[in-house]
Amino acid sequence: MEGKVALITGASAGIGLALAKKLCARGARVALVARTKENLDKAVALLGPDRAMAFPCDVSDLVALEALPKKVREAMGRLDILVNNAGVNHRGSIAKHSPAALAEIVTTNLTAPIVLTRAAYDELSKGGSVVHVASIAGMVPVPGEATYSASKAGLRAFARASAEDLEQRGVHSGIVSPGPVDTGFFGDVSEVPDIVFSQPMSTADEVADAVIECIDTRAEEIAIPARSGRLATAAYLFPKLSAALRGPLGKKGAKAKAAYMAKKGAR
């Protein structure tokens, strides 16, 4: 990573910030993208201005997003890695949310990565990488997260289908699909479907390590935990198996969710 420049969306906290720290530790410089300048400035101060630069941008602003890779390359001298990490979710039945709220999920999780990948196409160095942070919810649909599952399934499809386009420029396309991750992304934990908690929870650092492994090995996709990825694949391929597992996994998840909420409440 020495001397390389990585553009990371959703970089002011959680997985994005954990990844930025690890890349900087390996000699890279990072372009940090998020909506709030104040949070980005704190991240730059933490990482060091010699290693990080802030690029405030709402990824749903597609016009600003299109100009971003060129701006980063001009400011930092090069662009080697793009990590589409920013995401949003509104949980519960689709009837609970406005059409605009559901459209926000698709714009942030799918449209923005497509636009940013295209915008970066002419700016990325040969041998570079584009890594999309998807989700195991994109491998098998999760009830209560219909639009989120759809957006992440679409992101996985885009990553794989665009790999040939990027390879023409010598750029790798990869996917990291985490299960539940212990970050602020959960929001109101009571709204998270019980079945989500049936799978082992990863840390932001573990997901960041998977992103780096994806870049280092030029992997097509890394699921974390790997066992959850295999289970999701089996459930998708065999819908009857998915239906049969939903009840037991829901019960297991309800217990794990209650324990998680109790642990958080005790802090």
C-alpha atoms as a PDB file:
ATOM      1  CA  MET A   1       0.000   0.000   0.000  1.00  0.00           C
ATOM      2  CA  GLU A   2       3.020   2.272   0.302  1.00  0.00           C
ATOM      3  CA  GLY A   3       2.411   5.506  -1.600  1.00  0.00           C
ATOM      4  CA  LYS A   4      -1.043   4.523  -2.835  1.00  0.00           C
ATOM      5  CA  VAL A   5      -4.135   6.703  -2.500  1.00  0.00           C
ATOM      6  CA  ALA A   6      -7.519   5.286  -1.486  1.00  0.00           C
ATOM      7  CA  LEU A   7     -10.876   7.031  -1.757  1.00  0.00           C
ATOM      8  CA  ILE A   8     -13.272   5.748   0.933  1.00  0.00           C
ATOM      9  CA  THR A   9     -16.927   6.722   1.221  1.00  0.00           C
ATOM     10  CA  GLY A  10     -18.651   6.623   4.601  1.00  0.00           C
ATOM     11  CA  ALA A  11     -15.196   7.259   6.044  1.00  0.00           C
ATOM     12  CA  SER A  12     -15.857   9.374   9.147  1.00  0.00           C
ATOM     13  CA  ALA A  13     -16.807   6.440  11.411  1.00  0.00           C
ATOM     14  CA  GLY A  14     -17.361   2.689  11.592  1.00  0.00           C
ATOM     15  CA  ILE A  15     -15.961   0.462   8.866  1.00  0.00           C
ATOM     16  CA  GLY A  16     -14.754   3.393   6.748  1.00  0.00           C
ATOM     17  CA  LEU A  17     -12.662   4.942   9.510  1.00  0.00           C
ATOM     18  CA  ALA A  18     -11.323   1.559  10.638  1.00  0.00           C
ATOM     19  CA  LEU A  19     -10.229   0.886   7.056  1.00  0.00           C
ATOM     20  CA  ALA A  20      -8.614   4.319   6.745  1.00  0.00           C
ATOM     21  CA  LYS A  21      -6.537   3.671   9.872  1.00  0.00           C
ATOM     22  CA  LYS A  22      -5.324   0.319   8.569  1.00  0.00           C
ATOM     23  CA  LEU A  23      -4.463   1.652   5.119  1.00  0.00           C
ATOM     24  CA  CYS A  24      -2.533   4.562   6.615  1.00  0.00           C
ATOM     25  CA  ALA A  25      -0.634   2.143   8.854  1.00  0.00           C
ATOM     26  CA  ARG A  26       0.479   0.336   5.703  1.00  0.00           C
ATOM     27  CA  GLY A  27       1.764   3.493   4.049  1.00  0.00           C
ATOM     28  CA  ALA A  28      -1.236   4.595   2.012  1.00  0.00           C
ATOM     29  CA  ARG A  29      -2.881   8.001   1.961  1.00  0.00           C
ATOM     30  CA  VAL A  30      -6.636   8.276   2.186  1.00  0.00           C
ATOM     31  CA  ALA A  31      -9.313  10.575   0.754  1.00  0.00           C
ATOM     32  CA  LEU A  32     -12.108  10.541   3.315  1.00  0.00           C
ATOM     33  CA  VAL A  33     -15.657  11.087   2.055  1.00  0.00           C
ATOM     34  CA  ALA A  34     -18.733  11.676   4.215  1.00  0.00           C
ATOM     35  CA  ARG A  35     -21.499  14.238   4.548  1.00  0.00           C
ATOM     36  CA  THR A  36     -20.375  16.048   7.699  1.00  0.00           C
ATOM     37  CA  LYS A  37     -17.211  18.146   7.420  1.00  0.00           C
ATOM     38  CA  GLU A  38     -16.782  18.365  11.188  1.00  0.00           C
ATOM     39  CA  ASN A  39     -16.606  14.576  11.518  1.00  0.00           C
ATOM     40  CA  LEU A  40     -14.199  14.331   8.599  1.00  0.00           C
ATOM     41  CA  ASP A  41     -11.946  16.979  10.123  1.00  0.00           C
ATOM     42  CA  LYS A  42     -11.781  14.930  13.339  1.00  0.00           C
ATOM     43  CA  ALA A  43     -10.819  11.864  11.314  1.00  0.00           C
ATOM     44  CA  VAL A  44      -8.085  13.790   9.486  1.00  0.00           C
ATOM     45  CA  ALA A  45      -6.711  15.041  12.816  1.00  0.00           C
ATOM     46  CA  LEU A  46      -6.680  11.453  14.099  1.00  0.00           C
ATOM     47  CA  LEU A  47      -4.915  10.041  11.035  1.00  0.00           C
ATOM     48  CA  GLY A  48      -2.651  13.012  10.377  1.00  0.00           C
ATOM     49  CA  PRO A  49      -2.879  15.616   7.603  1.00  0.00           C
ATOM     50  CA  ASP A  50       0.101  14.011   5.875  1.00  0.00           C
ATOM     51  CA  ARG A  51      -1.952  10.834   5.481  1.00  0.00           C
ATOM     52  CA  ALA A  52      -5.546  11.984   5.078  1.00  0.00           C
ATOM     53  CA  MET A  53      -7.616  14.631   3.325  1.00  0.00           C
ATOM     54  CA  ALA A  54     -11.293  15.412   3.818  1.00  0.00           C
ATOM     55  CA  PHE A  55     -13.687  15.570   0.882  1.00  0.00           C
ATOM     56  CA  PRO A  56     -17.138  16.422   2.275  1.00  0.00           C
ATOM     57  CA  CYS A  57     -19.791  15.031  -0.062  1.00  0.00           C
ATOM     58  CA  ASP A  58     -23.252  13.542   0.217  1.00  0.00           C
ATOM     59  CA  VAL A  59     -23.092  10.482  -2.033  1.00  0.00           C
ATOM     60  CA  SER A  60     -26.736  11.004  -2.971  1.00  0.00           C
ATOM     61  CA  ASP A  61     -25.621  14.211  -4.736  1.00  0.00           C
ATOM     62  CA  LEU A  62     -24.752  12.474  -7.977  1.00  0.00           C
ATOM     63  CA  VAL A  63     -23.440  15.615  -9.688  1.00  0.00           C
ATOM     64  CA  ALA A  64     -20.921  16.247  -6.896  1.00  0.00           C
ATOM     65  CA  LEU A  65     -20.105  12.550  -6.773  1.00  0.00           C
ATOM     66  CA  GLU A  66     -19.241  12.434 -10.461  1.00  0.00           C
ATOM     67  CA  ALA A  67     -16.593  15.130  -9.992  1.00  0.00           C
ATOM     68  CA  LEU A  68     -15.069  13.536  -6.885  1.00  0.00           C
ATOM     69  CA  PRO A  69     -12.467  11.067  -8.272  1.00  0.00           C
ATOM     70  CA  LYS A  70     -10.853  13.692 -10.483  1.00  0.00           C
ATOM     71  CA  LYS A  71     -10.814  16.129  -7.563  1.00  0.00           C
ATOM     72  CA  VAL A  72      -9.090  13.528  -5.382  1.00  0.00           C
ATOM     73  CA  ARG A  73      -6.501  12.677  -8.030  1.00  0.00           C
ATOM     74  CA  GLU A  74      -5.688  16.334  -8.624  1.00  0.00           C
ATOM     75  CA  ALA A  75      -5.392  17.070  -4.898  1.00  0.00           C
ATOM     76  CA  MET A  76      -3.469  13.929  -3.897  1.00  0.00           C
ATOM     77  CA  GLY A  77      -1.530  13.168  -7.071  1.00  0.00           C
ATOM     78  CA  ARG A  78      -3.040   9.792  -7.909  1.00  0.00           C
ATOM     79  CA  LEU A  79      -5.931   7.411  -7.210  1.00  0.00           C
ATOM     80  CA  ASP A  80      -5.353   3.686  -6.738  1.00  0.00           C
ATOM     81  CA  ILE A  81      -8.219   2.336  -4.646  1.00  0.00           C
ATOM     82  CA  LEU A  82     -11.932   3.099  -4.455  1.00  0.00           C
ATOM     83  CA  VAL A  83     -13.991   1.654  -1.594  1.00  0.00           C
ATOM     84  CA  ASN A  84     -17.742   2.133  -1.913  1.00  0.00           C
ATOM     85  CA  ASN A  85     -18.637   1.811   1.756  1.00  0.00           C
ATOM     86  CA  ALA A  86     -21.334   4.422   2.453  1.00  0.00           C
ATOM     87  CA  GLY A  87     -24.740   2.921   3.138  1.00  0.00           C
ATOM     88  CA  VAL A  88     -28.148   3.586   4.619  1.00  0.00           C
ATOM     89  CA  ASN A  89     -31.071   1.465   5.768  1.00  0.00           C
ATOM     90  CA  HIS A  90     -34.651   2.038   6.920  1.00  0.00           C
ATOM     91  CA  ARG A  91     -35.875  -1.164   8.538  1.00  0.00           C
ATOM     92  CA  GLY A  92     -39.349  -2.610   8.739  1.00  0.00           C
ATOM     93  CA  SER A  93     -42.181  -3.181   6.287  1.00  0.00           C
ATOM     94  CA  ILE A  94     -42.047  -1.130   3.101  1.00  0.00           C
ATOM     95  CA  ALA A  95     -45.509   0.156   4.122  1.00  0.00           C
ATOM     96  CA  LYS A  96     -43.873   1.874   7.099  1.00  0.00           C
ATOM     97  CA  HIS A  97     -41.705   4.153   4.969  1.00  0.00           C
ATOM     98  CA  SER A  98     -42.353   6.812   2.355  1.00  0.00           C
ATOM     99  CA  PRO A  99     -41.393   6.165  -1.275  1.00  0.00           C
ATOM    100  CA  ALA A 100     -38.704   8.846  -0.865  1.00  0.00           C
ATOM    101  CA  ALA A 101     -37.146   7.021   2.099  1.00  0.00           C
ATOM    102  CA  LEU A 102     -37.040   3.756   0.174  1.00  0.00           C
ATOM    103  CA  ALA A 103     -35.580   5.534  -2.853  1.00  0.00           C
ATOM    104  CA  GLU A 104     -32.862   6.964  -0.576  1.00  0.00           C
ATOM    105  CA  ILE A 105     -31.700   3.423   0.211  1.00  0.00           C
ATOM    106  CA  VAL A 106     -31.354   2.576  -3.480  1.00  0.00           C
ATOM    107  CA  THR A 107     -29.655   5.880  -4.327  1.00  0.00           C
ATOM    108  CA  THR A 108     -27.098   5.606  -1.509  1.00  0.00           C
ATOM    109  CA  ASN A 109     -26.407   1.876  -1.656  1.00  0.00           C
ATOM    110  CA  LEU A 110     -26.584   1.209  -5.389  1.00  0.00           C
ATOM    111  CA  THR A 111     -26.837   4.274  -7.637  1.00  0.00           C
ATOM    112  CA  ALA A 112     -24.014   6.138  -5.892  1.00  0.00           C
ATOM    113  CA  PRO A 113     -21.494   3.257  -6.162  1.00  0.00           C
ATOM    114  CA  ILE A 114     -22.361   2.824  -9.844  1.00  0.00           C
ATOM    115  CA  VAL A 115     -21.881   6.534 -10.543  1.00  0.00           C
ATOM    116  CA  LEU A 116     -18.690   6.762  -8.479  1.00  0.00           C
ATOM    117  CA  THR A 117     -17.170   3.668 -10.073  1.00  0.00           C
ATOM    118  CA  ARG A 118     -17.829   5.079 -13.533  1.00  0.00           C
ATOM    119  CA  ALA A 119     -16.425   8.464 -12.514  1.00  0.00           C
ATOM    120  CA  ALA A 120     -13.293   6.767 -11.158  1.00  0.00           C
ATOM    121  CA  TYR A 121     -12.830   4.599 -14.246  1.00  0.00           C
ATOM    122  CA  ASP A 122     -10.582   7.103 -16.037  1.00  0.00           C
ATOM    123  CA  GLU A 123      -8.794   8.229 -12.861  1.00  0.00           C
ATOM    124  CA  LEU A 124      -7.702   4.928 -11.287  1.00  0.00           C
ATOM    125  CA  SER A 125      -4.125   3.766 -11.702  1.00  0.00           C
ATOM    126  CA  LYS A 126      -3.423   0.512 -13.527  1.00  0.00           C
ATOM    127  CA  GLY A 127      -3.292  -2.286 -10.980  1.00  0.00           C
ATOM    128  CA  GLY A 128      -5.785  -0.501  -8.737  1.00  0.00           C
ATOM    129  CA  SER A 129      -8.886  -1.857  -7.047  1.00  0.00           C
ATOM    130  CA  VAL A 130     -12.557  -1.037  -6.596  1.00  0.00           C
ATOM    131  CA  VAL A 131     -14.109  -2.746  -3.572  1.00  0.00           C
ATOM    132  CA  HIS A 132     -17.820  -2.567  -2.811  1.00  0.00           C
ATOM    133  CA  VAL A 133     -18.997  -3.166   0.753  1.00  0.00           C
ATOM    134  CA  ALA A 134     -22.203  -5.110   0.168  1.00  0.00           C
ATOM    135  CA  SER A 135     -23.944  -7.380   2.689  1.00  0.00           C
ATOM    136  CA  ILE A 136     -24.977 -10.945   3.331  1.00  0.00           C
ATOM    137  CA  ALA A 137     -28.481  -9.459   3.064  1.00  0.00           C
ATOM    138  CA  GLY A 138     -27.617  -9.062  -0.616  1.00  0.00           C
ATOM    139  CA  MET A 139     -26.871 -12.796  -0.868  1.00  0.00           C
ATOM    140  CA  VAL A 140     -30.207 -13.914   0.587  1.00  0.00           C
ATOM    141  CA  PRO A 141     -33.195 -11.557   1.092  1.00  0.00           C
ATOM    142  CA  VAL A 142     -33.940 -10.569   4.692  1.00  0.00           C
ATOM    143  CA  PRO A 143     -37.593  -9.979   5.641  1.00  0.00           C
ATOM    144  CA  GLY A 144     -38.026  -6.519   7.125  1.00  0.00           C
ATOM    145  CA  GLU A 145     -35.149  -5.216   5.019  1.00  0.00           C
ATOM    146  CA  ALA A 146     -36.590  -5.689   1.528  1.00  0.00           C
ATOM    147  CA  THR A 147     -35.242  -2.543  -0.108  1.00  0.00           C
ATOM    148  CA  TYR A 148     -31.870  -2.818   1.632  1.00  0.00           C
ATOM    149  CA  SER A 149     -31.550  -6.452   0.489  1.00  0.00           C
ATOM    150  CA  ALA A 150     -32.463  -5.412  -3.050  1.00  0.00           C
ATOM    151  CA  SER A 151     -29.910  -2.597  -3.092  1.00  0.00           C
ATOM    152  CA  LYS A 152     -27.104  -4.841  -1.856  1.00  0.00           C
ATOM    153  CA  ALA A 153     -28.046  -7.642  -4.255  1.00  0.00           C
ATOM    154  CA  GLY A 154     -27.905  -5.091  -7.048  1.00  0.00           C
ATOM    155  CA  LEU A 155     -24.512  -3.866  -5.824  1.00  0.00           C
ATOM    156  CA  ARG A 156     -23.136  -7.419  -5.897  1.00  0.00           C
ATOM    157  CA  ALA A 157     -24.474  -7.877  -9.423  1.00  0.00           C
ATOM    158  CA  PHE A 158     -22.941  -4.581 -10.547  1.00  0.00           C
ATOM    159  CA  ALA A 159     -19.565  -5.426  -9.010  1.00  0.00           C
ATOM    160  CA  ARG A 160     -19.387  -8.759 -10.809  1.00  0.00           C
ATOM    161  CA  ALA A 161     -20.730  -7.542 -14.137  1.00  0.00           C
ATOM    162  CA  SER A 162     -18.478  -4.461 -14.196  1.00  0.00           C
ATOM    163  CA  ALA A 163     -15.374  -6.490 -13.357  1.00  0.00           C
ATOM    164  CA  GLU A 164     -14.719  -7.150 -17.050  1.00  0.00           C
ATOM    165  CA  ASP A 165     -15.002  -3.427 -17.857  1.00  0.00           C
ATOM    166  CA  LEU A 166     -12.533  -2.530 -15.110  1.00  0.00           C
ATOM    167  CA  GLU A 167     -10.159  -5.336 -16.054  1.00  0.00           C
ATOM    168  CA  GLN A 168      -9.693  -3.635 -19.431  1.00  0.00           C
ATOM    169  CA  ARG A 169      -7.855  -0.931 -17.491  1.00  0.00           C
ATOM    170  CA  GLY A 170      -6.070  -3.415 -15.241  1.00  0.00           C
ATOM    171  CA  VAL A 171      -8.306  -2.562 -12.292  1.00  0.00           C
ATOM    172  CA  HIS A 172      -9.663  -5.224  -9.931  1.00  0.00           C
ATOM    173  CA  SER A 173     -13.314  -5.326  -8.841  1.00  0.00           C
ATOM    174  CA  GLY A 174     -14.142  -6.998  -5.521  1.00  0.00           C
ATOM    175  CA  ILE A 175     -16.931  -7.344  -2.999  1.00  0.00           C
ATOM    176  CA  VAL A 176     -16.938  -7.675   0.783  1.00  0.00           C
ATOM    177  CA  SER A 177     -20.247  -8.960   2.157  1.00  0.00           C
ATOM    178  CA  PRO A 178     -20.506  -8.709   5.950  1.00  0.00           C
ATOM    179  CA  GLY A 179     -23.191 -10.077   8.188  1.00  0.00           C
ATOM    180  CA  PRO A 180     -24.129  -7.989  11.253  1.00  0.00           C
ATOM    181  CA  VAL A 181     -21.434  -5.504  12.236  1.00  0.00           C
ATOM    182  CA  ASP A 182     -21.229  -3.861  15.655  1.00  0.00           C
ATOM    183  CA  THR A 183     -21.281  -0.211  14.589  1.00  0.00           C
ATOM    184  CA  GLY A 184     -23.670   2.729  14.879  1.00  0.00           C
ATOM    185  CA  PHE A 185     -25.269   1.584  11.611  1.00  0.00           C
ATOM    186  CA  PHE A 186     -27.710  -0.524  13.646  1.00  0.00           C
ATOM    187  CA  GLY A 187     -29.470   2.573  14.947  1.00  0.00           C
ATOM    188  CA  ASP A 188     -32.511   1.431  16.954  1.00  0.00           C
ATOM    189  CA  VAL A 189     -31.575  -2.190  17.644  1.00  0.00           C
ATOM    190  CA  SER A 190     -35.189  -3.075  18.438  1.00  0.00           C
ATOM    191  CA  GLU A 191     -36.003  -2.463  14.765  1.00  0.00           C
ATOM    192  CA  VAL A 192     -33.385  -4.952  13.522  1.00  0.00           C
ATOM    193  CA  PRO A 193     -34.984  -8.277  12.432  1.00  0.00           C
ATOM    194  CA  ASP A 194     -34.268 -11.067  14.935  1.00  0.00           C
ATOM    195  CA  ILE A 195     -32.819 -13.296  12.213  1.00  0.00           C
ATOM    196  CA  VAL A 196     -29.955 -10.834  11.665  1.00  0.00           C
ATOM    197  CA  PHE A 197     -28.668 -11.598  15.157  1.00  0.00           C
ATOM    198  CA  SER A 198     -28.635 -15.338  14.445  1.00  0.00           C
ATOM    199  CA  GLN A 199     -25.265 -14.843  12.750  1.00  0.00           C
ATOM    200  CA  PRO A 200     -21.969 -14.028  14.493  1.00  0.00           C
ATOM    201  CA  MET A 201     -21.354 -10.307  14.757  1.00  0.00           C
ATOM    202  CA  SER A 202     -18.185  -8.831  13.259  1.00  0.00           C
ATOM    203  CA  THR A 203     -16.311  -5.718  14.309  1.00  0.00           C
ATOM    204  CA  ALA A 204     -15.535  -2.779  12.044  1.00  0.00           C
ATOM    205  CA  ASP A 205     -11.860  -3.793  12.213  1.00  0.00           C
ATOM    206  CA  GLU A 206     -12.638  -7.310  10.992  1.00  0.00           C
ATOM    207  CA  VAL A 207     -14.576  -5.986   8.006  1.00  0.00           C
ATOM    208  CA  ALA A 208     -11.771  -3.531   7.251  1.00  0.00           C
ATOM    209  CA  ASP A 209      -9.311  -6.449   7.307  1.00  0.00           C
ATOM    210  CA  ALA A 210     -11.542  -8.259   4.794  1.00  0.00           C
ATOM    211  CA  VAL A 211     -11.477  -5.227   2.487  1.00  0.00           C
ATOM    212  CA  ILE A 212      -7.682  -5.152   2.630  1.00  0.00           C
ATOM    213  CA  GLU A 213      -7.529  -8.909   1.995  1.00  0.00           C
ATOM    214  CA  CYS A 214      -9.807  -8.409  -1.011  1.00  0.00           C
ATOM    215  CA  ILE A 215      -7.423  -5.765  -2.387  1.00  0.00           C
ATOM    216  CA  ASP A 216      -4.261  -7.763  -1.627  1.00  0.00           C
ATOM    217  CA  THR A 217      -5.521 -11.026  -3.150  1.00  0.00           C
ATOM    218  CA  ARG A 218      -7.724  -9.427  -5.838  1.00  0.00           C
ATOM    219  CA  ALA A 219     -10.556 -11.650  -4.636  1.00  0.00           C
ATOM    220  CA  GLU A 220     -13.959 -11.582  -6.309  1.00  0.00           C
ATOM    221  CA  GLU A 221     -15.891 -11.702  -3.029  1.00  0.00           C
ATOM    222  CA  ILE A 222     -15.203 -12.231   0.656  1.00  0.00           C
ATOM    223  CA  ALA A 223     -18.111 -12.966   3.001  1.00  0.00           C
ATOM    224  CA  ILE A 224     -17.608 -12.312   6.694  1.00  0.00           C
ATOM    225  CA  PRO A 225     -18.097 -14.511   8.599  1.00  0.00           C
ATOM    226  CA  ALA A 226     -17.367 -17.087   5.903  1.00  0.00           C
ATOM    227  CA  ARG A 227     -19.782 -19.595   7.439  1.00  0.00           C
ATOM    228  CA  SER A 228     -22.626 -17.065   7.234  1.00  0.00           C
ATOM    229  CA  GLY A 229     -21.805 -16.514   3.577  1.00  0.00           C
ATOM    230  CA  ARG A 230     -22.022 -20.226   2.848  1.00  0.00           C
ATOM    231  CA  LEU A 231     -25.321 -20.480   4.727  1.00  0.00           C
ATOM    232  CA  ALA A 232     -26.735 -17.497   2.805  1.00  0.00           C
ATOM    233  CA  THR A 233     -25.705 -19.039  -0.522  1.00  0.00           C
ATOM    234  CA  ALA A 234     -27.379 -22.338   0.365  1.00  0.00           C
ATOM    235  CA  ALA A 235     -30.547 -20.552   1.510  1.00  0.00           C
ATOM    236  CA  TYR A 236     -30.694 -18.573  -1.743  1.00  0.00           C
ATOM    237  CA  LEU A 237     -30.173 -21.631  -3.939  1.00  0.00           C
ATOM    238  CA  PHE A 238     -32.710 -23.714  -2.025  1.00  0.00           C
ATOM    239  CA  PRO A 239     -35.735 -21.570  -1.074  1.00  0.00           C
ATOM    240  CA  LYS A 240     -37.376 -24.439   0.848  1.00  0.00           C
ATOM    241  CA  LEU A 241     -34.275 -24.669   3.026  1.00  0.00           C
ATOM    242  CA  SER A 242     -34.484 -20.916   3.616  1.00  0.00           C
ATOM    243  CA  ALA A 243     -38.116 -21.209   4.707  1.00  0.00           C
ATOM    244  CA  ALA A 244     -37.323 -24.146   7.000  1.00  0.00           C
ATOM    245  CA  LEU A 245     -34.432 -22.298   8.666  1.00  0.00           C
ATOM    246  CA  ARG A 246     -36.261 -19.015   9.170  1.00  0.00           C
ATOM    247  CA  GLY A 247     -38.087 -20.120  12.327  1.00  0.00           C
ATOM    248  CA  PRO A 248     -35.126 -21.678  14.178  1.00  0.00           C
ATOM    249  CA  LEU A 249     -32.765 -18.883  13.150  1.00  0.00           C
ATOM    250  CA  GLY A 250     -35.319 -16.275  14.230  1.00  0.00           C
ATOM    251  CA  LYS A 251     -35.540 -17.834  17.697  1.00  0.00           C
ATOM    252  CA  LYS A 252     -31.768 -18.036  17.979  1.00  0.00           C
ATOM    253  CA  GLY A 253     -31.469 -14.437  16.824  1.00  0.00           C
ATOM    254  CA  ALA A 254     -34.096 -13.201  19.295  1.00  0.00           C
ATOM    255  CA  LYS A 255     -32.036 -14.567  22.194  1.00  0.00           C
ATOM    256  CA  ALA A 256     -28.818 -13.090  20.843  1.00  0.00           C
ATOM    257  CA  LYS A 257     -30.543  -9.756  20.201  1.00  0.00           C
ATOM    258  CA  ALA A 258     -31.878  -9.602  23.765  1.00  0.00           C
ATOM    259  CA  ALA A 259     -28.407 -10.347  25.128  1.00  0.00           C
ATOM    260  CA  TYR A 260     -26.873  -7.685  22.879  1.00  0.00           C
ATOM    261  CA  MET A 261     -29.414  -5.054  23.981  1.00  0.00           C
ATOM    262  CA  ALA A 262     -28.879  -5.961  27.632  1.00  0.00           C
ATOM    263  CA  LYS A 263     -25.123  -5.660  27.209  1.00  0.00           C
ATOM    264  CA  LYS A 264     -25.438  -2.274  25.523  1.00  0.00           C
ATOM    265  CA  GLY A 265     -27.864  -1.088  28.190  1.00  0.00           C
ATOM    266  CA  ALA A 266     -25.449  -2.070  30.949  1.00  0.00           C
ATOM    267  CA  ARG A 267     -22.705   0.172  29.608  1.00  0.00           C
END
